Amino acid sequence: MVAPLIIHGLSEVEVQLSTSAAKPLHIPQIFSISPEAELAAPVGILGRAYLDLNELSQTNSEGEADNIRWSLVRRTPAAERVYHQETGVDWNALRSLTQTGTILIPNGFWWSFNETFQEGPGYKEAGGILAGGHCALATVFRAAAIQAGLPTEARLHALPIPGFPQDQTVNIYWGRDDLLVHNTTGQDLYFLWTVSPGGVEASIVPVSDENPLPPLPLLDNKTIAMVYGRSQPGGWGSLGQTTIADQGLYLARNYAQKVEEWNGDKAVIVAINPNVAMAGRVTSREYYLYYLIAEARRQGYYVMLDVQTGNKDPTALFISLIDKFLLENVWFDWDLEHTSGGTVHSEQINQIVGAYFASRQSMGYSSPGIFGFYVFKTDQVANPDKLRRSYDGGLVVPIFDGFGGQGNDPARAKIAKTVRVLSQFGEGPYGVMEFETRWGNRYDQISAWEYFAAFPEALIMASQ
């Protein structure tokens, strides 16, 4: 099953690829997301709520009921059958559909309604606003969460929502009012939703053998294809071309497919590498990160959180981020260029990496962990021979960050510099980054694929 998803916020995001053919990449209105586990007979329902769409149509408006259907269906395979970019949604066809889906809420994480659904194409005006109806949809999710005993935060709706007490209602206003749900149960949870012609049901079930997550891939004989950057208006890197998590995951999948086309027999692992701390300042978009990590895990992808420590205490900063965002699919990297003083001692890297792998071990994670660090000069790590590269449960991976290639033959110079910088860390896996998606070869006059081809054994091929 391939599930198309309607992208929202930007009609199209154009990204320039620095392949030899240099063709533009578009993030379209509708695209495929990975198959998800089918929970046909969910086990252990903790909370359940139902919204009668027929009653909502009578008391509020049919437009609100339609927008609710569309919010959910646009995340399923049926979206391609009822949505056309030229004509929009076929509302009559939409009203006849029955679809199900899942949303992962890992233990300890916060779930944001806005980060999951947000504004997008296809919606109609209802209740006096574009895309009206999200307040009722958020209310049914909140009611299920309350029944399951989960803490929620929301602003109450000004008017009644049929079928729900007023103190369970939710007001949704993009950019201001949100529904937040905190998973404090000690176990990972799914929101399981079903939309039918007559209504919407939302249930909360534990992740279990009966309600499984997809397995995370192992690293043997594989290449990690990873997109890097800061996702927000005015952001940078590959992810700077996106504003929401679904766009970033699409970009990561698309890049991985391109790596797979020329990567021979080696399978490709999808990973996304968002910056979370810039010059020591942690991003305020923590709900974006919670959703990104959870949605990547639901699809079987990895997330490497990029940290620039600035003048902050690196150990304290990393431990705080590990405590907040660690999940089995979460890796970390230290961008050494943006560290006060410019030089980091191997012993300090070892200390932070040890804390990361100790946390993974305490959680019982069996999938491989990675701690990376971006480097492009030979003096950025003091005592490189003291760096520990292997731990129980994972690896430490130096990544050449792509900056290089001066002189009369910049391509040859860049390859030589990469070899020189990475060789100081001895044997073991390594990664390379190129300005593949956004900046092209403006820094070194070598295309991404020529550069990556020079390092076919690289574990990580990162795209900035």
Protein backbone atom coordinates (compact mmCIF):
# COMPACT_ATOMS: atom_id res chain seq x y z
CA MET A 1 0.00 0.00 0.00
CA VAL A 2 1.35 3.41 -0.95
CA ALA A 3 -0.27 6.26 0.92
CA PRO A 4 -0.35 9.68 -0.75
CA LEU A 5 -0.21 12.75 1.42
CA ILE A 6 -1.30 16.24 0.51
CA ILE A 7 1.42 18.76 1.25
CA HIS A 8 0.30 22.08 2.62
CA GLY A 9 1.67 25.50 3.37
CA LEU A 10 3.64 25.81 0.11
CA SER A 11 2.08 24.99 -3.25
CA GLU A 12 5.45 23.84 -4.61
CA VAL A 13 8.93 24.03 -3.21
CA GLU A 14 11.60 23.99 -5.89
CA VAL A 15 14.95 22.54 -4.99
CA GLN A 16 17.91 22.48 -7.38
CA LEU A 17 19.84 19.23 -7.63
CA SER A 18 23.50 19.38 -8.52
CA THR A 19 23.55 16.20 -10.56
CA SER A 20 25.22 16.28 -13.93
CA ALA A 21 21.75 16.76 -15.44
CA ALA A 22 20.78 19.34 -12.78
CA LYS A 23 17.03 18.83 -12.90
CA PRO A 24 14.71 20.70 -10.52
CA LEU A 25 12.97 18.78 -7.76
CA HIS A 26 9.48 19.75 -6.66
CA ILE A 27 7.72 19.03 -3.42
CA PRO A 28 4.24 18.59 -4.87
CA GLN A 29 0.75 19.00 -3.52
CA ILE A 30 0.30 15.24 -3.23
CA PHE A 31 2.94 12.59 -2.79
CA SER A 32 3.44 9.07 -1.50
CA ILE A 33 4.34 8.31 2.08
CA SER A 34 5.57 4.97 3.33
CA PRO A 35 3.11 2.19 4.11
CA GLU A 36 2.01 2.05 7.71
CA ALA A 37 1.06 -0.90 9.89
CA GLU A 38 -2.57 -1.89 9.49
CA LEU A 39 -4.25 -2.19 12.88
CA ALA A 40 -7.39 -3.95 11.72
CA ALA A 41 -8.25 -5.28 15.19
CA PRO A 42 -6.60 -2.99 17.73
CA VAL A 43 -5.82 -4.53 21.10
CA GLY A 44 -5.98 -2.79 24.48
CA ILE A 45 -7.98 0.35 23.71
CA LEU A 46 -7.29 2.93 26.44
CA GLY A 47 -9.61 5.65 25.22
CA ARG A 48 -12.16 6.12 22.48
CA ALA A 49 -14.36 8.96 21.21
CA TYR A 50 -16.77 9.40 18.34
CA LEU A 51 -17.87 12.46 16.38
CA ASP A 52 -21.15 12.17 14.46
CA LEU A 53 -20.52 13.96 11.16
CA ASN A 54 -24.17 13.91 10.17
CA GLU A 55 -25.12 15.71 13.38
CA LEU A 56 -22.25 18.17 12.89
CA SER A 57 -23.51 18.90 9.37
CA GLN A 58 -26.97 19.68 10.73
CA THR A 59 -25.93 21.78 13.73
CA ASN A 60 -22.89 23.51 12.22
CA SER A 61 -22.37 23.01 8.48
CA GLU A 62 -21.69 20.34 5.92
CA GLY A 63 -18.50 22.20 5.05
CA GLU A 64 -17.04 21.54 8.50
CA ALA A 65 -17.78 17.82 8.18
CA ASP A 66 -16.19 17.79 4.71
CA ASN A 67 -13.03 19.52 5.94
CA ILE A 68 -12.72 16.97 8.74
CA ARG A 69 -12.98 14.11 6.25
CA TRP A 70 -10.38 15.74 4.06
CA SER A 71 -7.93 16.36 6.94
CA LEU A 72 -7.83 12.62 7.57
CA VAL A 73 -8.22 11.19 4.07
CA ARG A 74 -5.42 13.29 2.62
CA ARG A 75 -3.03 11.10 4.63
CA THR A 76 -4.27 7.86 3.02
CA PRO A 77 -4.10 6.14 -0.40
CA ALA A 78 -7.61 7.36 -1.18
CA ALA A 79 -6.36 10.96 -1.48
CA GLU A 80 -5.27 10.35 -5.08
CA ARG A 81 -8.78 9.22 -5.98
CA VAL A 82 -10.62 12.25 -4.59
CA TYR A 83 -8.19 15.15 -5.05
CA HIS A 84 -7.01 16.77 -8.27
CA GLN A 85 -4.74 19.78 -8.26
CA GLU A 86 -6.75 21.53 -10.97
CA THR A 87 -10.24 20.94 -9.54
CA GLY A 88 -9.59 20.27 -5.85
CA VAL A 89 -11.51 17.72 -3.78
CA ASP A 90 -14.38 15.64 -5.18
CA TRP A 91 -16.57 16.12 -2.11
CA ASN A 92 -19.24 13.61 -3.14
CA ALA A 93 -16.63 10.89 -3.55
CA LEU A 94 -14.97 11.89 -0.28
CA ARG A 95 -18.21 11.57 1.69
CA SER A 96 -18.57 7.91 0.66
CA LEU A 97 -15.13 6.81 1.85
CA THR A 98 -14.13 4.77 4.89
CA GLN A 99 -10.45 5.03 5.83
CA THR A 100 -8.22 4.34 8.80
CA GLY A 101 -4.83 5.64 9.89
CA THR A 102 -2.41 5.86 12.78
CA ILE A 103 -0.48 8.60 14.56
CA LEU A 104 2.40 7.63 16.85
CA ILE A 105 2.84 9.28 20.27
CA PRO A 106 6.05 7.92 21.84
CA ASN A 107 6.34 7.69 25.60
CA GLY A 108 7.23 11.06 27.09
CA PHE A 109 6.57 12.96 23.86
CA TRP A 110 4.07 15.74 23.27
CA TRP A 111 1.73 15.49 20.29
CA SER A 112 0.65 18.65 18.49
CA PHE A 113 -2.55 18.68 16.42
CA ASN A 114 -1.31 21.64 14.40
CA GLU A 115 2.03 20.02 13.50
CA THR A 116 0.13 16.96 12.27
CA PHE A 117 -2.70 18.51 10.27
CA GLN A 118 -1.97 22.19 9.57
CA GLU A 119 -3.39 24.24 6.75
CA GLY A 120 -3.25 22.95 3.20
CA PRO A 121 -4.82 22.73 -0.24
CA GLY A 122 -8.31 21.46 -0.88
CA TYR A 123 -10.13 22.91 2.11
CA LYS A 124 -13.32 24.91 1.76
CA GLU A 125 -14.60 27.83 3.80
CA ALA A 126 -16.83 26.65 6.63
CA GLY A 127 -18.00 28.24 9.84
CA GLY A 128 -16.84 31.59 8.53
CA ILE A 129 -13.19 30.57 8.07
CA LEU A 130 -11.10 28.62 5.58
CA ALA A 131 -10.71 24.99 6.66
CA GLY A 132 -13.30 25.34 9.43
CA GLY A 133 -13.99 22.06 11.18
CA HIS A 134 -10.59 21.41 12.72
CA CYS A 135 -11.91 22.44 16.12
CA ALA A 136 -14.36 19.52 16.06
CA LEU A 137 -11.69 17.12 14.77
CA ALA A 138 -9.29 18.18 17.54
CA THR A 139 -12.10 17.75 20.08
CA VAL A 140 -12.62 14.08 19.20
CA PHE A 141 -8.86 13.44 19.58
CA ARG A 142 -8.82 15.27 22.90
CA ALA A 143 -11.82 13.31 24.23
CA ALA A 144 -10.06 10.01 23.47
CA ALA A 145 -6.91 11.27 25.17
CA ILE A 146 -8.81 12.40 28.26
CA GLN A 147 -10.52 9.02 28.51
CA ALA A 148 -7.08 7.38 28.32
CA GLY A 149 -5.88 9.56 31.22
CA LEU A 150 -3.45 11.66 29.16
CA PRO A 151 -2.79 15.30 30.07
CA THR A 152 -3.96 17.73 27.40
CA GLU A 153 -3.59 21.45 26.80
CA ALA A 154 -6.06 23.40 24.70
CA ARG A 155 -8.13 26.53 24.57
CA LEU A 156 -11.85 25.76 24.88
CA HIS A 157 -14.12 26.33 21.91
CA ALA A 158 -16.50 29.26 22.28
CA LEU A 159 -19.51 27.32 20.96
CA PRO A 160 -20.73 23.78 21.74
CA ILE A 161 -19.48 20.87 19.63
CA PRO A 162 -22.24 18.25 19.34
CA GLY A 163 -21.66 15.12 21.39
CA PHE A 164 -18.96 16.52 23.72
CA PRO A 165 -18.99 18.36 27.04
CA GLN A 166 -17.82 21.93 26.80
CA ASP A 167 -14.74 21.28 28.96
CA GLN A 168 -13.42 18.79 26.37
CA THR A 169 -13.79 21.08 23.35
CA VAL A 170 -10.82 22.56 21.49
CA ASN A 171 -10.31 25.82 19.65
CA ILE A 172 -7.85 25.52 16.75
CA TYR A 173 -6.36 28.62 15.18
CA TRP A 174 -3.28 28.01 13.05
CA GLY A 175 -0.23 29.62 14.59
CA ARG A 176 -1.97 30.42 17.88
CA ASP A 177 -4.35 27.83 19.35
CA ASP A 178 -3.32 24.18 19.34
CA LEU A 179 -4.22 20.89 20.98
CA LEU A 180 -1.30 19.30 22.83
CA VAL A 181 -1.39 15.77 24.25
CA HIS A 182 1.32 14.47 26.58
CA ASN A 183 2.05 10.74 26.69
CA THR A 184 2.80 10.05 30.36
CA THR A 185 1.80 6.36 30.33
CA GLY A 186 5.28 4.83 30.27
CA GLN A 187 4.61 3.16 26.90
CA ASP A 188 4.41 4.22 23.27
CA LEU A 189 0.89 4.86 22.00
CA TYR A 190 -1.00 5.07 18.74
CA PHE A 191 -3.88 7.32 17.91
CA LEU A 192 -5.95 5.04 15.69
CA TRP A 193 -8.56 6.92 13.68
CA THR A 194 -11.34 5.84 11.36
CA VAL A 195 -13.42 8.13 9.17
CA SER A 196 -16.61 6.76 7.63
CA PRO A 197 -19.55 8.40 5.85
CA GLY A 198 -21.27 8.83 9.21
CA GLY A 199 -18.52 9.87 11.59
CA VAL A 200 -14.99 9.91 12.96
CA GLU A 201 -13.74 7.58 15.69
CA ALA A 202 -10.44 8.16 17.49
CA SER A 203 -8.94 5.51 19.77
CA ILE A 204 -5.74 5.28 21.77
CA VAL A 205 -3.98 1.92 21.85
CA PRO A 206 -0.55 0.89 23.14
CA VAL A 207 2.20 -0.06 20.72
CA SER A 208 2.60 -3.81 21.23
CA ASP A 209 3.17 -7.06 19.40
CA GLU A 210 -0.45 -6.87 18.34
CA ASN A 211 -0.15 -3.17 17.41
CA PRO A 212 3.45 -3.09 16.14
CA LEU A 213 5.83 -0.48 14.82
CA PRO A 214 7.81 -1.26 11.65
CA PRO A 215 11.34 -2.55 12.31
CA LEU A 216 14.21 -0.12 11.96
CA PRO A 217 16.82 -1.16 9.39
CA LEU A 218 20.25 -2.41 10.42
CA LEU A 219 23.43 -0.88 8.98
CA ASP A 220 25.12 -3.90 7.38
CA ASN A 221 26.01 -3.28 3.71
CA LYS A 222 23.83 -0.18 3.56
CA THR A 223 24.25 3.51 2.83
CA ILE A 224 22.52 6.15 4.96
CA ALA A 225 21.06 8.87 2.75
CA MET A 226 20.52 11.93 4.94
CA VAL A 227 19.19 15.44 4.28
CA TYR A 228 20.46 18.24 6.49
CA GLY A 229 19.47 21.76 7.49
CA ARG A 230 17.13 23.98 9.47
CA SER A 231 13.47 23.73 8.54
CA GLN A 232 11.70 27.05 8.91
CA PRO A 233 11.14 30.26 6.96
CA GLY A 234 14.61 31.65 6.36
CA GLY A 235 16.19 28.29 7.17
CA TRP A 236 19.22 26.82 5.47
CA GLY A 237 20.53 23.62 3.95
CA SER A 238 18.30 21.11 2.19
CA LEU A 239 15.70 21.31 4.94
CA GLY A 240 15.67 25.09 4.61
CA GLN A 241 13.53 24.47 1.52
CA THR A 242 10.80 23.07 3.80
CA THR A 243 8.69 24.42 6.64
CA ILE A 244 6.85 21.36 8.00
CA ALA A 245 7.91 17.86 8.96
CA ASP A 246 6.00 16.10 6.18
CA GLN A 247 7.87 18.14 3.56
CA GLY A 248 11.20 17.25 5.17
CA LEU A 249 10.35 13.54 5.20
CA TYR A 250 9.34 13.74 1.55
CA LEU A 251 12.67 15.38 0.72
CA ALA A 252 14.54 12.65 2.62
CA ARG A 253 12.69 9.87 0.78
CA ASN A 254 13.28 11.51 -2.59
CA TYR A 255 17.00 11.91 -1.93
CA ALA A 256 17.29 8.31 -0.74
CA GLN A 257 15.68 7.13 -3.98
CA LYS A 258 18.28 9.05 -5.97
CA VAL A 259 21.12 7.51 -3.97
CA GLU A 260 19.58 4.09 -4.50
CA GLU A 261 19.56 4.56 -8.28
CA TRP A 262 23.35 4.46 -8.51
CA ASN A 263 24.31 2.73 -5.27
CA GLY A 264 24.64 -0.79 -6.69
CA ASP A 265 23.74 -3.68 -4.40
CA LYS A 266 23.84 -1.61 -1.22
CA ALA A 267 20.43 -0.84 0.23
CA VAL A 268 19.67 2.73 1.31
CA ILE A 269 18.48 3.88 4.74
CA VAL A 270 16.37 7.05 4.91
CA ALA A 271 17.47 9.62 7.49
CA ILE A 272 16.75 13.28 8.17
CA ASN A 273 19.20 15.62 9.91
CA PRO A 274 17.51 18.76 11.37
CA ASN A 275 19.47 21.37 13.27
CA VAL A 276 18.09 21.64 16.82
CA ALA A 277 20.67 23.87 18.53
CA MET A 278 22.35 26.76 16.73
CA ALA A 279 25.23 28.48 18.54
CA GLY A 280 23.90 26.84 21.70
CA ARG A 281 20.36 28.20 21.28
CA VAL A 282 17.83 25.38 21.15
CA THR A 283 15.08 25.73 18.57
CA SER A 284 11.69 26.84 19.82
CA ARG A 285 10.03 24.36 17.45
CA GLU A 286 10.06 21.43 19.84
CA TYR A 287 6.59 20.22 18.77
CA TYR A 288 7.83 20.09 15.18
CA LEU A 289 10.71 17.88 16.38
CA TYR A 290 8.43 15.64 18.44
CA TYR A 291 6.20 15.11 15.42
CA LEU A 292 9.14 14.67 13.00
CA ILE A 293 10.79 12.03 15.20
CA ALA A 294 7.54 10.18 15.84
CA GLU A 295 6.42 10.22 12.20
CA ALA A 296 9.88 9.10 11.03
CA ARG A 297 9.74 6.23 13.53
CA ARG A 298 6.27 5.26 12.35
CA GLN A 299 7.64 4.99 8.84
CA GLY A 300 10.86 3.19 9.82
CA TYR A 301 13.29 6.11 9.27
CA TYR A 302 16.10 7.57 11.38
CA VAL A 303 16.53 11.15 12.61
CA MET A 304 19.97 12.62 13.42
CA LEU A 305 19.68 15.76 15.56
CA ASP A 306 22.35 18.31 14.63
CA VAL A 307 23.80 20.31 17.52
CA GLN A 308 25.93 23.46 17.35
CA THR A 309 27.07 24.08 20.91
CA GLY A 310 28.46 27.61 20.59
CA ASN A 311 29.68 28.76 24.00
CA LYS A 312 27.29 26.50 25.94
CA ASP A 313 28.60 23.60 28.01
CA PRO A 314 28.50 20.79 25.42
CA THR A 315 27.92 17.97 27.89
CA ALA A 316 25.00 19.67 29.62
CA LEU A 317 23.45 20.70 26.30
CA PHE A 318 23.64 17.24 24.79
CA ILE A 319 22.32 15.52 27.92
CA SER A 320 19.34 17.88 28.02
CA LEU A 321 18.54 17.07 24.37
CA ILE A 322 19.00 13.34 24.93
CA ASP A 323 16.61 13.47 27.88
CA LYS A 324 13.98 15.30 25.81
CA PHE A 325 14.15 13.69 22.38
CA LEU A 326 15.76 10.26 22.62
CA LEU A 327 13.86 7.53 20.79
CA GLU A 328 15.15 4.34 19.21
CA ASN A 329 15.44 6.00 15.79
CA VAL A 330 17.23 9.12 17.11
CA TRP A 331 20.90 9.74 16.45
CA PHE A 332 22.94 12.87 17.29
CA ASP A 333 25.78 14.83 15.71
CA TRP A 334 28.07 17.56 16.95
CA ASP A 335 28.82 20.29 14.39
CA LEU A 336 32.33 21.10 15.58
CA GLU A 337 32.74 24.19 13.40
CA HIS A 338 30.28 26.08 15.61
CA THR A 339 31.97 25.42 18.95
CA SER A 340 33.66 28.17 20.92
CA GLY A 341 37.41 27.89 20.59
CA GLY A 342 37.15 25.83 17.41
CA THR A 343 38.82 22.74 18.88
CA VAL A 344 37.24 19.86 20.78
CA HIS A 345 39.16 17.24 22.72
CA SER A 346 38.47 13.60 21.98
CA GLU A 347 37.91 12.97 25.67
CA GLN A 348 35.00 15.42 25.65
CA ILE A 349 33.43 13.70 22.64
CA ASN A 350 33.91 10.34 24.38
CA GLN A 351 32.15 11.63 27.50
CA ILE A 352 29.09 12.85 25.58
CA VAL A 353 28.94 9.78 23.36
CA GLY A 354 29.18 7.55 26.43
CA ALA A 355 26.14 9.29 27.94
CA TYR A 356 24.22 8.86 24.68
CA PHE A 357 24.86 5.14 24.41
CA ALA A 358 24.25 4.60 28.12
CA SER A 359 20.82 6.19 27.66
CA ARG A 360 20.09 3.95 24.68
CA GLN A 361 21.15 0.90 26.65
CA SER A 362 18.96 1.87 29.59
CA MET A 363 15.97 2.07 27.22
CA GLY A 364 16.68 -1.41 25.86
CA TYR A 365 17.09 -0.25 22.26
CA SER A 366 18.33 -2.94 19.89
CA SER A 367 18.59 -0.93 16.66
CA PRO A 368 21.96 0.68 15.92
CA GLY A 369 22.77 4.05 17.42
CA ILE A 370 25.06 6.58 15.75
CA PHE A 371 26.80 9.63 17.14
CA GLY A 372 28.35 11.69 14.36
CA PHE A 373 30.44 14.83 14.22
CA TYR A 374 30.92 17.22 11.30
CA VAL A 375 34.53 18.17 10.60
CA PHE A 376 36.41 19.76 7.70
CA LYS A 377 39.81 20.67 9.17
CA THR A 378 42.56 18.56 10.72
CA ASP A 379 42.79 20.72 13.85
CA GLN A 380 39.12 20.54 14.94
CA VAL A 381 39.62 17.44 17.13
CA ALA A 382 42.55 17.35 19.54
CA ASN A 383 44.06 13.91 20.16
CA PRO A 384 42.05 12.21 17.38
CA ASP A 385 43.76 8.90 18.13
CA LYS A 386 42.02 8.92 21.54
CA LEU A 387 38.55 9.02 20.00
CA ARG A 388 36.52 5.91 20.76
CA ARG A 389 34.74 4.81 17.58
CA SER A 390 32.72 1.78 18.70
CA TYR A 391 30.28 1.18 21.56
CA ASP A 392 27.92 -1.57 22.56
CA GLY A 393 24.91 -0.73 20.44
CA GLY A 394 26.45 1.68 17.96
CA LEU A 395 29.17 3.69 16.27
CA VAL A 396 30.88 7.07 16.27
CA VAL A 397 31.10 8.44 12.73
CA PRO A 398 33.18 11.41 11.52
CA ILE A 399 31.45 13.25 8.65
CA PHE A 400 33.38 15.52 6.30
CA ASP A 401 31.08 18.51 6.07
CA GLY A 402 31.56 19.28 2.39
CA PHE A 403 33.55 22.50 2.53
CA GLY A 404 36.75 22.31 0.51
CA GLY A 405 38.18 22.30 -2.97
CA GLN A 406 40.45 25.29 -3.53
CA GLY A 407 43.12 25.89 -6.17
CA ASN A 408 43.38 25.13 -9.87
CA ASP A 409 41.71 21.72 -9.59
CA PRO A 410 39.11 22.16 -6.83
CA ALA A 411 37.48 18.76 -7.36
CA ARG A 412 40.74 16.86 -6.90
CA ALA A 413 41.71 19.11 -4.01
CA LYS A 414 38.42 18.50 -2.24
CA ILE A 415 38.68 14.72 -2.53
CA ALA A 416 42.25 14.84 -1.24
CA LYS A 417 41.24 17.08 1.66
CA THR A 418 38.40 14.74 2.58
CA VAL A 419 40.78 11.77 2.69
CA ARG A 420 43.30 13.74 4.75
CA VAL A 421 40.77 14.94 7.33
CA LEU A 422 39.00 11.60 7.78
CA SER A 423 42.18 9.50 7.87
CA GLN A 424 43.23 11.07 11.18
CA PHE A 425 40.45 9.09 12.89
CA GLY A 426 41.78 5.71 11.76
CA GLU A 427 39.75 2.76 10.56
CA GLY A 428 35.99 2.73 10.83
CA PRO A 429 32.87 4.04 9.15
CA TYR A 430 32.77 7.62 7.94
CA GLY A 431 30.39 10.00 6.23
CA VAL A 432 30.61 12.70 3.57
CA MET A 433 28.38 15.71 2.94
CA GLU A 434 27.88 17.62 -0.28
CA PHE A 435 25.91 20.75 -1.18
CA GLU A 436 23.70 18.52 -3.29
CA THR A 437 20.20 19.90 -3.01
CA ARG A 438 20.34 23.64 -2.57
CA TRP A 439 23.77 25.11 -3.23
CA GLY A 440 25.01 22.88 -6.06
CA ASN A 441 28.73 22.99 -6.77
CA ARG A 442 29.22 26.67 -6.07
CA TYR A 443 31.87 25.95 -3.41
CA ASP A 444 34.06 23.39 -5.16
CA GLN A 445 33.15 22.86 -8.84
CA ILE A 446 32.33 19.18 -8.35
CA SER A 447 28.89 17.66 -8.58
CA ALA A 448 27.48 15.74 -5.64
CA TRP A 449 27.44 12.46 -7.50
CA GLU A 450 31.06 12.79 -8.65
CA TYR A 451 32.07 13.51 -5.06
CA PHE A 452 30.03 10.68 -3.56
CA ALA A 453 31.33 8.29 -6.25
CA ALA A 454 34.84 8.93 -4.93
CA PHE A 455 33.76 7.50 -1.56
CA PRO A 456 31.57 4.46 -2.35
CA GLU A 457 32.26 2.91 1.07
CA ALA A 458 30.90 5.91 2.98
CA LEU A 459 28.30 4.88 5.53
CA ILE A 460 26.61 8.31 5.38
CA MET A 461 26.00 10.43 2.29
CA ALA A 462 24.52 13.67 3.55
CA SER A 463 22.87 16.32 1.42
CA GLN A 464 23.05 19.99 2.36
